[in-house]
N, C-alpha and C. Protein backbone atom coordinates (compact mmCIF):
# COMPACT_ATOMS: atom_id res chain seq x y z
N UNK A 1 0.85 -1.18 0.00
CA UNK A 1 0.00 0.00 0.00
C UNK A 1 0.90 1.25 0.00
N UNK A 2 0.36 2.30 -0.56
CA UNK A 2 1.11 3.54 -0.69
C UNK A 2 1.16 4.28 0.64
N UNK A 3 2.35 4.67 1.08
CA UNK A 3 2.49 5.43 2.31
C UNK A 3 1.94 6.84 2.14
N UNK A 4 1.55 7.45 3.25
CA UNK A 4 1.10 8.84 3.23
C UNK A 4 -0.37 9.02 2.90
N UNK A 5 -1.13 7.94 2.77
CA UNK A 5 -2.56 8.08 2.49
C UNK A 5 -3.33 8.24 3.80
N UNK A 6 -4.50 8.83 3.71
CA UNK A 6 -5.32 9.06 4.91
C UNK A 6 -5.85 7.74 5.46
N UNK A 7 -5.85 7.59 6.78
CA UNK A 7 -6.37 6.35 7.37
C UNK A 7 -7.89 6.33 7.36
N UNK A 8 -8.45 5.14 7.41
CA UNK A 8 -9.89 4.98 7.49
C UNK A 8 -10.37 5.12 8.91
N UNK A 9 -11.59 4.63 9.21
CA UNK A 9 -12.17 4.80 10.54
C UNK A 9 -11.40 4.08 11.65
N UNK A 10 -10.62 3.04 11.31
CA UNK A 10 -9.87 2.34 12.35
C UNK A 10 -8.50 2.98 12.60
N UNK A 11 -8.19 4.06 11.93
CA UNK A 11 -6.97 4.87 12.06
C UNK A 11 -5.67 4.12 11.76
N UNK A 12 -5.75 2.96 11.13
CA UNK A 12 -4.53 2.25 10.73
C UNK A 12 -4.02 2.89 9.44
N UNK A 13 -2.76 3.30 9.45
CA UNK A 13 -2.17 3.95 8.28
C UNK A 13 -1.37 2.94 7.47
N UNK A 14 -1.20 3.24 6.20
CA UNK A 14 -0.40 2.37 5.32
C UNK A 14 1.03 2.28 5.82
N UNK A 15 1.54 3.37 6.38
CA UNK A 15 2.90 3.38 6.92
C UNK A 15 3.06 2.29 7.98
N UNK A 16 2.03 2.14 8.84
CA UNK A 16 2.08 1.13 9.90
C UNK A 16 2.13 -0.27 9.31
N UNK A 17 1.24 -0.55 8.37
CA UNK A 17 1.20 -1.88 7.76
C UNK A 17 2.50 -2.18 7.01
N UNK A 18 3.00 -1.20 6.29
CA UNK A 18 4.24 -1.42 5.54
C UNK A 18 5.43 -1.66 6.46
N UNK A 19 5.45 -0.99 7.61
CA UNK A 19 6.55 -1.15 8.57
C UNK A 19 6.57 -2.56 9.16
N UNK A 20 5.39 -3.13 9.38
CA UNK A 20 5.30 -4.44 10.02
C UNK A 20 4.83 -5.53 9.06
N UNK A 21 5.01 -5.32 7.77
CA UNK A 21 4.49 -6.26 6.76
C UNK A 21 4.97 -7.68 6.98
N UNK A 22 6.25 -7.85 7.27
CA UNK A 22 6.79 -9.21 7.43
C UNK A 22 6.19 -9.92 8.63
N UNK A 23 5.76 -9.15 9.63
CA UNK A 23 5.20 -9.73 10.86
C UNK A 23 3.73 -10.10 10.68
N UNK A 24 2.97 -9.25 10.00
CA UNK A 24 1.51 -9.45 9.95
C UNK A 24 0.99 -10.12 8.70
N UNK A 25 1.84 -10.36 7.72
CA UNK A 25 1.35 -10.90 6.44
C UNK A 25 0.70 -12.28 6.62
N UNK A 26 1.26 -13.15 7.45
CA UNK A 26 0.67 -14.48 7.64
C UNK A 26 -0.67 -14.39 8.37
N UNK A 27 -0.75 -13.49 9.34
CA UNK A 27 -2.00 -13.31 10.08
C UNK A 27 -3.09 -12.79 9.15
N UNK A 28 -2.75 -11.80 8.33
CA UNK A 28 -3.73 -11.27 7.38
C UNK A 28 -4.14 -12.33 6.36
N UNK A 29 -3.19 -13.13 5.91
CA UNK A 29 -3.51 -14.20 4.94
C UNK A 29 -4.50 -15.19 5.54
N UNK A 30 -4.29 -15.58 6.79
CA UNK A 30 -5.23 -16.50 7.46
C UNK A 30 -6.60 -15.86 7.61
N UNK A 31 -6.60 -14.59 8.01
CA UNK A 31 -7.85 -13.86 8.20
C UNK A 31 -8.61 -13.74 6.87
N UNK A 32 -7.92 -13.36 5.81
CA UNK A 32 -8.55 -13.21 4.50
C UNK A 32 -9.09 -14.55 3.99
N UNK A 33 -8.32 -15.61 4.18
CA UNK A 33 -8.74 -16.94 3.74
C UNK A 33 -10.01 -17.37 4.47
N UNK A 34 -10.06 -17.10 5.77
CA UNK A 34 -11.25 -17.46 6.54
C UNK A 34 -12.47 -16.68 6.05
N UNK A 35 -12.30 -15.38 5.85
CA UNK A 35 -13.43 -14.56 5.39
C UNK A 35 -13.89 -14.99 3.99
N UNK A 36 -12.95 -15.34 3.13
CA UNK A 36 -13.33 -15.81 1.78
C UNK A 36 -14.07 -17.13 1.84
N UNK A 37 -13.60 -18.05 2.67
CA UNK A 37 -14.26 -19.36 2.74
C UNK A 37 -15.65 -19.26 3.35
N UNK A 38 -15.85 -18.29 4.25
CA UNK A 38 -17.16 -18.09 4.87
C UNK A 38 -18.04 -17.14 4.06
N UNK A 39 -17.49 -16.54 3.01
CA UNK A 39 -18.20 -15.53 2.19
C UNK A 39 -18.74 -14.40 3.06
N UNK A 40 -17.96 -13.98 4.01
CA UNK A 40 -18.36 -12.89 4.90
C UNK A 40 -17.25 -11.86 4.97
N UNK A 41 -17.65 -10.64 5.23
CA UNK A 41 -16.70 -9.56 5.42
C UNK A 41 -16.95 -8.95 6.78
N UNK A 42 -15.89 -8.70 7.50
CA UNK A 42 -15.98 -8.10 8.83
C UNK A 42 -16.75 -6.77 8.75
N UNK A 43 -17.67 -6.57 9.68
CA UNK A 43 -18.49 -5.36 9.68
C UNK A 43 -17.64 -4.10 9.76
N UNK A 44 -16.57 -4.15 10.54
CA UNK A 44 -15.70 -2.98 10.67
C UNK A 44 -15.05 -2.60 9.34
N UNK A 45 -14.80 -3.59 8.49
CA UNK A 45 -14.19 -3.30 7.20
C UNK A 45 -15.14 -2.56 6.29
N UNK A 46 -16.44 -2.73 6.51
CA UNK A 46 -17.44 -2.07 5.65
C UNK A 46 -17.74 -0.65 6.11
N UNK A 47 -17.21 -0.27 7.26
CA UNK A 47 -17.45 1.06 7.80
C UNK A 47 -16.50 2.05 7.14
N UNK A 48 -17.02 3.21 6.81
CA UNK A 48 -16.16 4.24 6.21
C UNK A 48 -16.30 5.54 6.98
N UNK A 49 -15.36 6.40 6.76
CA UNK A 49 -15.39 7.73 7.36
C UNK A 49 -15.48 8.72 6.20
N UNK A 50 -16.54 9.51 6.17
CA UNK A 50 -16.72 10.46 5.08
C UNK A 50 -16.21 11.83 5.50
N UNK A 51 -15.36 12.40 4.67
CA UNK A 51 -14.84 13.74 4.92
C UNK A 51 -15.14 14.60 3.69
N UNK A 52 -15.24 15.89 3.90
CA UNK A 52 -15.48 16.81 2.79
C UNK A 52 -14.18 17.52 2.44
N UNK A 53 -13.79 17.42 1.18
CA UNK A 53 -12.58 18.09 0.71
C UNK A 53 -12.98 19.34 -0.06
N UNK A 54 -12.37 20.44 0.30
CA UNK A 54 -12.62 21.71 -0.37
C UNK A 54 -12.01 21.67 -1.77
N UNK A 55 -12.80 22.04 -2.79
CA UNK A 55 -12.30 22.04 -4.16
C UNK A 55 -11.79 23.44 -4.50
N UNK A 56 -12.68 24.33 -4.85
CA UNK A 56 -12.30 25.71 -5.13
C UNK A 56 -13.56 26.55 -5.12
N UNK A 57 -13.40 27.85 -5.07
CA UNK A 57 -14.54 28.74 -5.03
C UNK A 57 -14.82 29.22 -3.61
N UNK A 58 -16.06 29.61 -3.37
CA UNK A 58 -16.48 30.15 -2.08
C UNK A 58 -16.46 29.05 -1.02
N UNK A 59 -15.62 29.18 0.01
CA UNK A 59 -15.55 28.14 1.05
C UNK A 59 -16.84 28.03 1.87
N UNK A 60 -17.71 29.04 1.81
CA UNK A 60 -18.97 28.99 2.55
C UNK A 60 -20.07 28.25 1.78
N UNK A 61 -19.81 27.94 0.51
CA UNK A 61 -20.78 27.23 -0.33
C UNK A 61 -20.50 25.73 -0.26
N UNK A 62 -21.46 24.97 0.23
CA UNK A 62 -21.30 23.52 0.39
C UNK A 62 -21.05 22.82 -0.95
N UNK A 63 -21.47 23.43 -2.05
CA UNK A 63 -21.28 22.87 -3.38
C UNK A 63 -19.82 22.83 -3.82
N UNK A 64 -18.97 23.56 -3.11
CA UNK A 64 -17.55 23.58 -3.45
C UNK A 64 -16.74 22.58 -2.63
N UNK A 65 -17.43 21.62 -2.06
CA UNK A 65 -16.76 20.56 -1.30
C UNK A 65 -17.11 19.22 -1.93
N UNK A 66 -16.16 18.33 -1.91
CA UNK A 66 -16.34 17.00 -2.51
C UNK A 66 -16.29 15.95 -1.40
N UNK A 67 -17.38 15.16 -1.22
CA UNK A 67 -17.33 14.13 -0.18
C UNK A 67 -16.45 12.95 -0.61
N UNK A 68 -15.60 12.50 0.30
CA UNK A 68 -14.70 11.37 0.04
C UNK A 68 -14.86 10.38 1.18
N UNK A 69 -15.03 9.10 0.83
CA UNK A 69 -15.14 8.04 1.84
C UNK A 69 -13.78 7.43 2.08
N UNK A 70 -13.35 7.45 3.33
CA UNK A 70 -12.09 6.81 3.71
C UNK A 70 -12.42 5.42 4.22
N UNK A 71 -11.92 4.41 3.54
CA UNK A 71 -12.20 3.02 3.90
C UNK A 71 -11.07 2.46 4.75
N UNK A 72 -11.39 1.40 5.46
CA UNK A 72 -10.40 0.68 6.25
C UNK A 72 -9.31 0.16 5.33
N UNK A 73 -8.06 0.31 5.75
CA UNK A 73 -6.94 -0.16 4.95
C UNK A 73 -6.96 -1.68 4.82
N UNK A 74 -7.40 -2.37 5.86
CA UNK A 74 -7.49 -3.83 5.81
C UNK A 74 -8.52 -4.24 4.75
N UNK A 75 -9.62 -3.50 4.67
CA UNK A 75 -10.65 -3.77 3.65
C UNK A 75 -10.08 -3.55 2.25
N UNK A 76 -9.28 -2.51 2.08
CA UNK A 76 -8.67 -2.25 0.77
C UNK A 76 -7.73 -3.39 0.38
N UNK A 77 -6.95 -3.88 1.33
CA UNK A 77 -6.06 -5.01 1.06
C UNK A 77 -6.86 -6.25 0.68
N UNK A 78 -7.93 -6.52 1.43
CA UNK A 78 -8.79 -7.67 1.17
C UNK A 78 -9.38 -7.58 -0.23
N UNK A 79 -9.85 -6.40 -0.59
CA UNK A 79 -10.43 -6.17 -1.91
C UNK A 79 -9.38 -6.39 -3.00
N UNK A 80 -8.16 -5.94 -2.75
CA UNK A 80 -7.09 -6.12 -3.73
C UNK A 80 -6.76 -7.60 -3.93
N UNK A 81 -6.78 -8.38 -2.83
CA UNK A 81 -6.54 -9.82 -2.92
C UNK A 81 -7.60 -10.47 -3.81
N UNK A 82 -8.86 -10.12 -3.58
CA UNK A 82 -9.96 -10.68 -4.38
C UNK A 82 -9.79 -10.27 -5.85
N UNK A 83 -9.50 -9.00 -6.08
CA UNK A 83 -9.33 -8.51 -7.46
C UNK A 83 -8.19 -9.24 -8.16
N UNK A 84 -7.08 -9.46 -7.48
CA UNK A 84 -5.95 -10.17 -8.09
C UNK A 84 -6.33 -11.60 -8.45
N UNK A 85 -7.11 -12.25 -7.59
CA UNK A 85 -7.54 -13.62 -7.88
C UNK A 85 -8.48 -13.66 -9.08
N UNK A 86 -9.41 -12.72 -9.14
CA UNK A 86 -10.34 -12.65 -10.28
C UNK A 86 -9.56 -12.35 -11.56
N UNK A 87 -8.62 -11.40 -11.48
CA UNK A 87 -7.80 -11.05 -12.64
C UNK A 87 -7.04 -12.25 -13.18
N UNK A 88 -6.42 -13.02 -12.28
CA UNK A 88 -5.68 -14.20 -12.70
C UNK A 88 -6.58 -15.19 -13.43
N UNK A 89 -7.78 -15.40 -12.88
CA UNK A 89 -8.72 -16.35 -13.48
C UNK A 89 -9.16 -15.87 -14.86
N UNK A 90 -9.45 -14.58 -15.00
CA UNK A 90 -9.86 -14.04 -16.29
C UNK A 90 -8.74 -14.14 -17.32
N UNK A 91 -7.50 -13.88 -16.89
CA UNK A 91 -6.36 -14.01 -17.80
C UNK A 91 -6.21 -15.43 -18.31
N UNK A 92 -6.46 -16.42 -17.43
CA UNK A 92 -6.36 -17.83 -17.83
C UNK A 92 -7.44 -18.18 -18.85
N UNK A 93 -8.64 -17.63 -18.69
CA UNK A 93 -9.79 -18.01 -19.51
C UNK A 93 -9.84 -17.32 -20.87
N UNK A 94 -9.22 -16.13 -20.98
CA UNK A 94 -9.34 -15.38 -22.23
C UNK A 94 -8.14 -15.61 -23.13
N UNK A 95 -8.41 -15.73 -24.40
CA UNK A 95 -7.33 -15.84 -25.37
C UNK A 95 -6.81 -14.44 -25.67
N UNK A 96 -5.64 -14.37 -26.27
CA UNK A 96 -5.07 -13.07 -26.62
C UNK A 96 -5.91 -12.33 -27.65
N UNK A 97 -6.67 -13.10 -28.47
CA UNK A 97 -7.53 -12.46 -29.47
C UNK A 97 -8.63 -11.64 -28.81
N UNK A 98 -9.04 -12.04 -27.62
CA UNK A 98 -10.11 -11.33 -26.92
C UNK A 98 -9.54 -10.52 -25.77
N UNK A 99 -8.32 -10.12 -25.92
CA UNK A 99 -7.64 -9.57 -24.76
C UNK A 99 -8.19 -8.23 -24.30
N UNK A 100 -8.16 -8.09 -23.02
CA UNK A 100 -8.26 -6.79 -22.40
C UNK A 100 -6.81 -6.45 -22.17
N UNK A 101 -6.45 -5.54 -21.32
CA UNK A 101 -5.04 -5.25 -21.12
C UNK A 101 -4.46 -6.41 -20.34
N UNK A 102 -3.92 -7.36 -21.06
CA UNK A 102 -3.36 -8.57 -20.45
C UNK A 102 -1.85 -8.47 -20.46
N UNK A 103 -1.26 -8.79 -19.34
CA UNK A 103 0.18 -8.74 -19.25
C UNK A 103 0.81 -10.00 -19.83
N UNK A 104 0.02 -11.07 -19.95
CA UNK A 104 0.57 -12.33 -20.45
C UNK A 104 0.76 -12.31 -21.97
N UNK A 105 0.10 -11.41 -22.67
CA UNK A 105 0.25 -11.31 -24.13
C UNK A 105 1.32 -10.27 -24.43
N UNK A 106 2.26 -10.63 -25.26
CA UNK A 106 3.38 -9.72 -25.53
C UNK A 106 2.94 -8.56 -26.41
N UNK A 107 3.72 -7.50 -26.37
CA UNK A 107 3.45 -6.33 -27.19
C UNK A 107 3.58 -6.68 -28.68
N UNK A 108 4.55 -7.56 -28.99
CA UNK A 108 4.74 -8.00 -30.37
C UNK A 108 3.48 -8.68 -30.90
N UNK A 109 2.85 -9.49 -30.06
CA UNK A 109 1.62 -10.17 -30.47
C UNK A 109 0.54 -9.14 -30.80
N UNK A 110 0.46 -8.08 -30.00
CA UNK A 110 -0.54 -7.04 -30.25
C UNK A 110 -0.30 -6.36 -31.59
N UNK A 111 0.97 -6.05 -31.88
CA UNK A 111 1.28 -5.43 -33.17
C UNK A 111 0.92 -6.36 -34.32
N UNK A 112 1.25 -7.64 -34.17
CA UNK A 112 0.94 -8.62 -35.22
C UNK A 112 -0.56 -8.73 -35.43
N UNK A 113 -1.31 -8.66 -34.34
CA UNK A 113 -2.77 -8.76 -34.44
C UNK A 113 -3.34 -7.62 -35.27
N UNK A 114 -2.65 -6.49 -35.32
CA UNK A 114 -3.10 -5.36 -36.13
C UNK A 114 -2.51 -5.45 -37.54
N UNK A 115 -1.25 -5.87 -37.65
CA UNK A 115 -0.57 -5.94 -38.94
C UNK A 115 -1.16 -6.97 -39.90
N UNK A 116 -1.40 -8.17 -39.40
CA UNK A 116 -1.82 -9.28 -40.27
C UNK A 116 -3.11 -8.97 -41.03
N UNK A 117 -4.17 -8.48 -40.39
CA UNK A 117 -5.38 -8.16 -41.16
C UNK A 117 -5.12 -7.12 -42.25
N UNK A 118 -4.24 -6.14 -41.97
CA UNK A 118 -3.93 -5.13 -42.99
C UNK A 118 -3.19 -5.77 -44.16
N UNK A 119 -2.26 -6.66 -43.85
CA UNK A 119 -1.47 -7.33 -44.88
C UNK A 119 -2.34 -8.14 -45.82
N UNK A 120 -3.34 -8.81 -45.28
CA UNK A 120 -4.23 -9.66 -46.09
C UNK A 120 -5.52 -8.94 -46.48
N UNK A 121 -5.53 -7.63 -46.34
CA UNK A 121 -6.69 -6.81 -46.70
C UNK A 121 -7.97 -7.27 -46.00
N UNK A 122 -7.81 -7.66 -44.75
CA UNK A 122 -8.96 -8.10 -43.95
C UNK A 122 -9.45 -6.91 -43.13
N UNK A 123 -10.72 -6.95 -42.82
CA UNK A 123 -11.30 -5.89 -42.02
C UNK A 123 -10.89 -6.08 -40.56
N UNK A 124 -10.54 -5.00 -39.90
CA UNK A 124 -10.12 -5.06 -38.50
C UNK A 124 -11.01 -4.14 -37.68
N UNK A 125 -11.47 -4.64 -36.58
CA UNK A 125 -12.32 -3.84 -35.70
C UNK A 125 -11.72 -3.84 -34.30
N UNK A 126 -11.38 -2.68 -33.80
CA UNK A 126 -10.86 -2.54 -32.44
C UNK A 126 -11.87 -1.75 -31.62
N UNK A 127 -12.03 -2.13 -30.38
CA UNK A 127 -12.95 -1.43 -29.50
C UNK A 127 -12.19 -0.93 -28.28
N UNK A 128 -12.35 0.34 -27.99
CA UNK A 128 -11.74 0.92 -26.80
C UNK A 128 -12.86 1.46 -25.94
N UNK A 129 -12.81 1.15 -24.67
CA UNK A 129 -13.86 1.59 -23.76
C UNK A 129 -13.25 2.46 -22.68
N UNK A 130 -13.82 3.62 -22.47
CA UNK A 130 -13.40 4.49 -21.38
C UNK A 130 -14.13 4.00 -20.14
N UNK A 131 -13.46 3.18 -19.35
CA UNK A 131 -14.12 2.53 -18.21
C UNK A 131 -14.57 3.52 -17.15
N UNK A 132 -13.87 4.62 -17.01
CA UNK A 132 -14.26 5.61 -16.02
C UNK A 132 -15.66 6.15 -16.34
N UNK A 133 -15.91 6.37 -17.62
CA UNK A 133 -17.22 6.87 -18.05
C UNK A 133 -18.27 5.78 -18.04
N UNK A 134 -17.88 4.55 -18.34
CA UNK A 134 -18.84 3.45 -18.47
C UNK A 134 -19.23 2.83 -17.14
N UNK A 135 -18.51 3.12 -16.08
CA UNK A 135 -18.73 2.41 -14.82
C UNK A 135 -20.13 2.62 -14.25
N UNK A 136 -20.75 3.76 -14.50
CA UNK A 136 -22.09 4.00 -13.97
C UNK A 136 -23.17 3.29 -14.77
N UNK A 137 -22.84 2.81 -15.96
CA UNK A 137 -23.85 2.20 -16.82
C UNK A 137 -23.81 0.68 -16.81
N UNK A 138 -22.90 0.11 -16.05
CA UNK A 138 -22.74 -1.34 -16.02
C UNK A 138 -23.75 -1.96 -15.06
N UNK A 139 -24.42 -3.02 -15.52
CA UNK A 139 -25.37 -3.73 -14.66
C UNK A 139 -24.60 -4.78 -13.86
N UNK A 140 -24.61 -4.64 -12.55
CA UNK A 140 -23.83 -5.50 -11.67
C UNK A 140 -24.17 -6.97 -11.85
N UNK A 141 -25.46 -7.28 -11.99
CA UNK A 141 -25.87 -8.68 -12.12
C UNK A 141 -25.25 -9.33 -13.36
N UNK A 142 -25.18 -8.57 -14.45
CA UNK A 142 -24.62 -9.09 -15.69
C UNK A 142 -23.12 -9.36 -15.52
N UNK A 143 -22.43 -8.43 -14.87
CA UNK A 143 -21.00 -8.61 -14.63
C UNK A 143 -20.75 -9.86 -13.79
N UNK A 144 -21.55 -10.05 -12.74
CA UNK A 144 -21.40 -11.22 -11.87
C UNK A 144 -21.67 -12.50 -12.66
N UNK A 145 -22.68 -12.48 -13.53
CA UNK A 145 -22.99 -13.65 -14.36
C UNK A 145 -21.83 -13.98 -15.30
N UNK A 146 -21.28 -12.96 -15.94
CA UNK A 146 -20.16 -13.17 -16.87
C UNK A 146 -18.94 -13.70 -16.12
N UNK A 147 -18.67 -13.15 -14.94
CA UNK A 147 -17.54 -13.65 -14.15
C UNK A 147 -17.74 -15.12 -13.81
N UNK A 148 -18.97 -15.51 -13.48
CA UNK A 148 -19.27 -16.91 -13.21
C UNK A 148 -19.05 -17.78 -14.43
N UNK A 149 -19.46 -17.27 -15.61
CA UNK A 149 -19.25 -18.02 -16.86
C UNK A 149 -17.77 -18.19 -17.18
N UNK A 150 -16.95 -17.25 -16.70
CA UNK A 150 -15.50 -17.33 -16.94
C UNK A 150 -14.79 -18.21 -15.91
N UNK A 151 -15.55 -18.76 -14.97
CA UNK A 151 -14.95 -19.67 -13.99
C UNK A 151 -14.53 -19.02 -12.69
N UNK A 152 -14.90 -17.75 -12.48
CA UNK A 152 -14.56 -17.08 -11.22
C UNK A 152 -15.46 -17.66 -10.13
N UNK A 153 -14.87 -18.06 -9.03
CA UNK A 153 -15.63 -18.67 -7.93
C UNK A 153 -16.64 -17.70 -7.36
N UNK A 154 -17.81 -18.21 -6.97
CA UNK A 154 -18.87 -17.36 -6.43
C UNK A 154 -18.47 -16.71 -5.11
N UNK A 155 -17.53 -17.29 -4.39
CA UNK A 155 -17.12 -16.67 -3.13
C UNK A 155 -16.47 -15.31 -3.35
N UNK A 156 -16.00 -15.03 -4.57
CA UNK A 156 -15.42 -13.73 -4.88
C UNK A 156 -16.46 -12.72 -5.33
N UNK A 157 -17.62 -13.19 -5.74
CA UNK A 157 -18.63 -12.27 -6.28
C UNK A 157 -19.88 -12.18 -5.43
N UNK A 158 -19.98 -12.99 -4.38
CA UNK A 158 -21.20 -12.94 -3.56
C UNK A 158 -21.09 -11.89 -2.48
């Protein structure tokens, strides 16, 4: 985790975790494994602390403040573990032809995937999605169904 970030409601800072990483990593691994096997998340991890950050303009106008939720650092780590496991599974299931930004497919392969259709006068269609803009339009149920179809365990999506 990146040092210098604001702590969540439990006041544990990234600096603390990074300082004692070698000591607590096994404990956190056991804790995360237990929570994953039980498909439960600790209630404290779901608690956030909301703060208002001043953007610009009149400081007396509430509209010039942006609410930010500070989450528990342990929850962020747990979420990252789940995301890494899902990512690994998706990388295994998808071919390079259907690639998203996959690290397992070489850059040379990507260039060839574009060059070959041009060489043989074949039609090529590339799709780029601005995920930041699309995130509000995604139906969660559909994403969970697709993850299940790709072999992602339900304990990661429930």
